[in-house]
């Protein structure tokens, strides 16, 4: 079965959170493409300050 295509314009928190939720609900349904001006993958900026301050463990540790 061919996957549907999901295209998101913007690499912000809202778009990436929406994609995460869609994939959580139906993981195999979509082929996802995200267009954004930033050269890197989106990250949770809200958690950045506590992580840098050492109050929360890094998700990669």
N, C-alpha and C. Protein backbone atom coordinates (compact mmCIF):
# COMPACT_ATOMS: atom_id res chain seq x y z
N UNK A 1 0.84 -1.19 0.00
CA UNK A 1 0.00 0.00 0.00
C UNK A 1 0.88 1.25 0.00
N UNK A 2 0.55 2.17 -0.84
CA UNK A 2 1.31 3.40 -0.97
C UNK A 2 0.94 4.38 0.15
N UNK A 3 1.98 5.02 0.74
CA UNK A 3 1.73 5.98 1.81
C UNK A 3 1.24 7.30 1.26
N UNK A 4 0.38 7.95 2.04
CA UNK A 4 -0.04 9.31 1.71
C UNK A 4 1.12 10.24 2.01
N UNK A 5 1.15 11.38 1.34
CA UNK A 5 2.22 12.35 1.56
C UNK A 5 1.69 13.47 2.44
N UNK A 6 2.45 13.78 3.48
CA UNK A 6 2.15 14.90 4.38
C UNK A 6 3.27 15.91 4.25
N UNK A 7 2.93 17.12 3.82
CA UNK A 7 3.92 18.18 3.64
C UNK A 7 3.63 19.29 4.63
N UNK A 8 4.66 19.67 5.39
CA UNK A 8 4.54 20.75 6.38
C UNK A 8 5.48 21.86 5.98
N UNK A 9 4.96 23.07 5.91
CA UNK A 9 5.79 24.23 5.60
C UNK A 9 6.06 24.96 6.90
N UNK A 10 7.33 24.98 7.30
CA UNK A 10 7.74 25.60 8.55
C UNK A 10 8.26 24.55 9.51
N UNK A 11 9.42 24.82 10.07
CA UNK A 11 10.08 23.88 10.96
C UNK A 11 9.93 24.31 12.41
N UNK A 12 8.81 24.96 12.72
CA UNK A 12 8.59 25.46 14.08
C UNK A 12 8.02 24.41 15.00
N UNK A 13 7.85 24.79 16.26
CA UNK A 13 7.35 23.88 17.28
C UNK A 13 5.96 23.34 16.93
N UNK A 14 5.07 24.20 16.46
CA UNK A 14 3.69 23.76 16.19
C UNK A 14 3.63 22.71 15.08
N UNK A 15 4.31 22.98 13.98
CA UNK A 15 4.29 22.04 12.87
C UNK A 15 4.93 20.70 13.23
N UNK A 16 6.06 20.76 13.92
CA UNK A 16 6.75 19.52 14.29
C UNK A 16 5.96 18.75 15.34
N UNK A 17 5.31 19.45 16.23
CA UNK A 17 4.47 18.79 17.24
C UNK A 17 3.27 18.12 16.57
N UNK A 18 2.71 18.80 15.58
CA UNK A 18 1.58 18.22 14.85
C UNK A 18 2.00 16.95 14.11
N UNK A 19 3.16 16.98 13.48
CA UNK A 19 3.67 15.80 12.78
C UNK A 19 3.89 14.66 13.77
N UNK A 20 4.48 14.96 14.92
CA UNK A 20 4.71 13.93 15.94
C UNK A 20 3.40 13.29 16.37
N UNK A 21 2.38 14.10 16.56
CA UNK A 21 1.08 13.57 16.98
C UNK A 21 0.44 12.72 15.89
N UNK A 22 0.51 13.18 14.65
CA UNK A 22 -0.05 12.42 13.53
C UNK A 22 0.65 11.06 13.42
N UNK A 23 1.98 11.06 13.53
CA UNK A 23 2.73 9.81 13.42
C UNK A 23 2.47 8.89 14.60
N UNK A 24 2.22 9.46 15.76
CA UNK A 24 1.90 8.65 16.94
C UNK A 24 0.57 7.93 16.74
N UNK A 25 -0.38 8.62 16.15
CA UNK A 25 -1.71 8.04 15.95
C UNK A 25 -1.77 7.01 14.83
N UNK A 26 -0.97 7.22 13.79
CA UNK A 26 -0.98 6.29 12.66
C UNK A 26 0.41 6.26 12.03
N UNK A 27 1.35 5.52 12.65
CA UNK A 27 2.76 5.58 12.26
C UNK A 27 3.09 5.23 10.81
N UNK A 28 2.37 4.35 10.21
CA UNK A 28 2.72 3.92 8.86
C UNK A 28 1.97 4.60 7.74
N UNK A 29 1.15 5.57 8.06
CA UNK A 29 0.26 6.12 7.05
C UNK A 29 0.92 7.14 6.11
N UNK A 30 1.84 7.95 6.63
CA UNK A 30 2.34 9.10 5.86
C UNK A 30 3.83 9.02 5.56
N UNK A 31 4.17 9.58 4.41
CA UNK A 31 5.55 9.94 4.09
C UNK A 31 5.62 11.44 4.36
N UNK A 32 6.47 11.86 5.30
CA UNK A 32 6.48 13.24 5.77
C UNK A 32 7.64 14.01 5.17
N UNK A 33 7.34 15.22 4.69
CA UNK A 33 8.35 16.17 4.22
C UNK A 33 8.11 17.48 4.94
N UNK A 34 9.18 18.02 5.55
CA UNK A 34 9.08 19.30 6.25
C UNK A 34 10.02 20.29 5.57
N UNK A 35 9.47 21.45 5.19
CA UNK A 35 10.26 22.53 4.62
C UNK A 35 10.43 23.61 5.67
N UNK A 36 11.66 24.06 5.88
CA UNK A 36 11.90 25.13 6.83
C UNK A 36 13.15 25.90 6.47
N UNK A 37 13.25 27.10 6.99
CA UNK A 37 14.40 27.95 6.70
C UNK A 37 15.64 27.54 7.50
N UNK A 38 15.43 26.88 8.64
CA UNK A 38 16.56 26.49 9.48
C UNK A 38 17.25 25.26 8.89
N UNK A 39 18.58 25.23 8.92
CA UNK A 39 19.32 24.11 8.33
C UNK A 39 19.32 22.86 9.19
N UNK A 40 18.86 22.95 10.44
CA UNK A 40 18.89 21.80 11.36
C UNK A 40 17.49 21.40 11.78
N UNK A 41 17.40 20.21 12.32
CA UNK A 41 16.14 19.68 12.80
C UNK A 41 15.65 20.51 13.99
N UNK A 42 14.34 20.61 14.10
CA UNK A 42 13.71 21.33 15.20
C UNK A 42 14.08 20.71 16.53
N UNK A 43 14.17 21.52 17.59
CA UNK A 43 14.39 21.02 18.94
C UNK A 43 13.49 21.79 19.90
N UNK A 44 13.30 21.26 21.08
CA UNK A 44 12.41 21.84 22.07
C UNK A 44 13.09 23.03 22.75
N UNK A 45 12.84 24.23 22.25
CA UNK A 45 13.48 25.43 22.78
C UNK A 45 13.03 25.76 24.20
N UNK A 46 11.83 25.32 24.56
CA UNK A 46 11.32 25.59 25.90
C UNK A 46 12.19 24.90 26.94
N UNK A 47 12.68 23.71 26.64
CA UNK A 47 13.51 22.96 27.58
C UNK A 47 14.98 23.32 27.50
N UNK A 48 15.35 24.18 26.57
CA UNK A 48 16.76 24.49 26.36
C UNK A 48 17.41 25.13 27.59
N UNK A 49 16.79 26.13 28.18
CA UNK A 49 17.38 26.82 29.34
C UNK A 49 17.62 25.88 30.52
N UNK A 50 16.61 25.08 30.94
CA UNK A 50 16.87 24.15 32.04
C UNK A 50 17.95 23.12 31.72
N UNK A 51 18.00 22.66 30.48
CA UNK A 51 19.03 21.69 30.11
C UNK A 51 20.40 22.32 30.22
N UNK A 52 20.55 23.53 29.69
CA UNK A 52 21.85 24.20 29.75
C UNK A 52 22.25 24.55 31.18
N UNK A 53 21.26 24.78 32.04
CA UNK A 53 21.54 25.09 33.44
C UNK A 53 21.80 23.83 34.26
N UNK A 54 21.66 22.65 33.66
CA UNK A 54 21.92 21.41 34.35
C UNK A 54 20.77 20.92 35.22
N UNK A 55 19.60 21.51 35.07
CA UNK A 55 18.45 21.12 35.90
C UNK A 55 17.67 19.95 35.30
N UNK A 56 17.83 19.69 34.03
CA UNK A 56 17.15 18.56 33.38
C UNK A 56 18.17 17.78 32.58
N UNK A 57 18.07 16.46 32.59
CA UNK A 57 19.02 15.69 31.79
C UNK A 57 18.76 15.88 30.29
N UNK A 58 19.80 15.84 29.53
CA UNK A 58 19.68 15.93 28.08
C UNK A 58 18.95 14.70 27.57
N UNK A 59 18.05 14.85 26.59
CA UNK A 59 17.34 13.68 26.07
C UNK A 59 18.29 12.69 25.37
N UNK A 60 19.50 13.12 25.04
CA UNK A 60 20.44 12.22 24.37
C UNK A 60 21.36 11.53 25.35
N UNK A 61 21.26 11.87 26.64
CA UNK A 61 22.17 11.24 27.62
C UNK A 61 21.61 9.96 28.18
